[in-house]
């Protein structure tokens, strides 16, 4: 719903991803988890960018652009679906 969220609520969701990214940065991956860690970190960066664009749009009273909303959903789902490395 690109016109329903407010900037504050969107920022709260964005902070969840930012907190996870900070945790990943503070806790380096073991060798077995390096690729997973890097992939997840990249997803979180893209989620942050999309949420920031959505927040800014709503703060300005505009609806969230369709490509931004799609990026939030697509990147978030990709992060949830990322499979653990086998044998770690």
Protein backbone atom coordinates (compact mmCIF):
# COMPACT_ATOMS: atom_id res chain seq x y z
CA UNK A 1 0.00 0.00 0.00
CA UNK A 2 2.23 2.80 -1.29
CA UNK A 3 0.17 5.60 0.27
CA UNK A 4 -0.58 4.12 3.69
CA UNK A 5 2.75 3.91 5.50
CA UNK A 6 4.11 6.96 7.26
CA UNK A 7 7.75 8.00 7.38
CA UNK A 8 8.15 7.08 11.06
CA UNK A 9 6.85 3.52 10.62
CA UNK A 10 8.95 2.96 7.52
CA UNK A 11 12.03 4.16 9.38
CA UNK A 12 11.34 1.69 12.20
CA UNK A 13 11.34 -1.19 9.71
CA UNK A 14 14.50 0.20 8.12
CA UNK A 15 16.21 0.20 11.53
CA UNK A 16 15.62 -3.53 11.94
CA UNK A 17 17.68 -4.17 8.82
CA UNK A 18 20.27 -1.60 9.86
CA UNK A 19 20.65 -3.30 13.25
CA UNK A 20 21.18 -6.66 11.59
CA UNK A 21 23.72 -5.13 9.22
CA UNK A 22 25.56 -3.60 12.19
CA UNK A 23 25.62 -6.98 13.92
CA UNK A 24 27.04 -8.62 10.80
CA UNK A 25 29.70 -5.91 10.58
CA UNK A 26 30.67 -6.41 14.23
CA UNK A 27 30.74 -10.22 13.97
CA UNK A 28 32.89 -11.39 11.07
CA UNK A 29 31.85 -14.61 9.38
CA UNK A 30 33.70 -17.84 9.87
CA UNK A 31 35.13 -19.23 6.61
CA UNK A 32 32.14 -21.50 6.04
CA UNK A 33 29.71 -18.59 6.32
CA UNK A 34 31.68 -15.95 4.36
CA UNK A 35 29.64 -16.11 1.15
CA UNK A 36 26.32 -16.18 3.02
CA UNK A 37 27.45 -13.24 5.16
CA UNK A 38 28.44 -11.17 2.11
CA UNK A 39 25.22 -11.98 0.26
CA UNK A 40 23.08 -11.09 3.28
CA UNK A 41 25.02 -7.88 3.85
CA UNK A 42 24.43 -6.85 0.22
CA UNK A 43 20.72 -7.57 0.56
CA UNK A 44 20.53 -5.47 3.71
CA UNK A 45 22.23 -2.57 1.92
CA UNK A 46 19.70 -2.74 -0.91
CA UNK A 47 16.82 -3.00 1.58
CA UNK A 48 18.14 0.08 3.40
CA UNK A 49 18.27 2.09 0.17
CA UNK A 50 14.74 1.08 -0.80
CA UNK A 51 13.35 1.85 2.66
CA UNK A 52 15.11 5.24 2.66
CA UNK A 53 13.50 6.10 -0.67
CA UNK A 54 10.11 4.97 0.62
CA UNK A 55 10.51 6.97 3.84
CA UNK A 56 11.51 10.09 1.94
CA UNK A 57 8.56 9.76 -0.44
CA UNK A 58 6.06 9.41 2.39
CA UNK A 59 7.69 12.23 4.39
CA UNK A 60 7.14 14.47 1.34
CA UNK A 61 3.50 13.37 1.11
CA UNK A 62 4.06 11.33 -2.04
CA UNK A 63 3.22 7.70 -2.61
CA UNK A 64 6.04 5.17 -2.62
CA UNK A 65 7.10 4.57 -6.23
CA UNK A 66 6.20 1.11 -7.51
CA UNK A 67 9.80 0.11 -8.21
CA UNK A 68 10.80 1.09 -4.66
CA UNK A 69 7.97 -0.92 -3.11
CA UNK A 70 8.88 -3.86 -5.32
CA UNK A 71 12.54 -3.59 -4.29
CA UNK A 72 11.62 -3.71 -0.58
CA UNK A 73 9.53 -6.83 -1.10
CA UNK A 74 11.91 -8.58 -3.50
CA UNK A 75 15.07 -7.91 -1.50
CA UNK A 76 13.43 -8.78 1.80
CA UNK A 77 12.10 -12.06 0.44
CA UNK A 78 15.51 -12.90 -1.04
CA UNK A 79 17.09 -12.35 2.39
CA UNK A 80 14.50 -14.58 4.07
CA UNK A 81 14.97 -17.26 1.42
CA UNK A 82 18.77 -17.29 1.53
CA UNK A 83 19.76 -20.87 2.27
CA UNK A 84 22.30 -21.67 4.93
CA UNK A 85 25.57 -23.00 3.59
CA UNK A 86 25.64 -26.78 3.56
CA UNK A 87 27.67 -28.46 6.23
CA UNK A 88 28.41 -25.40 8.37
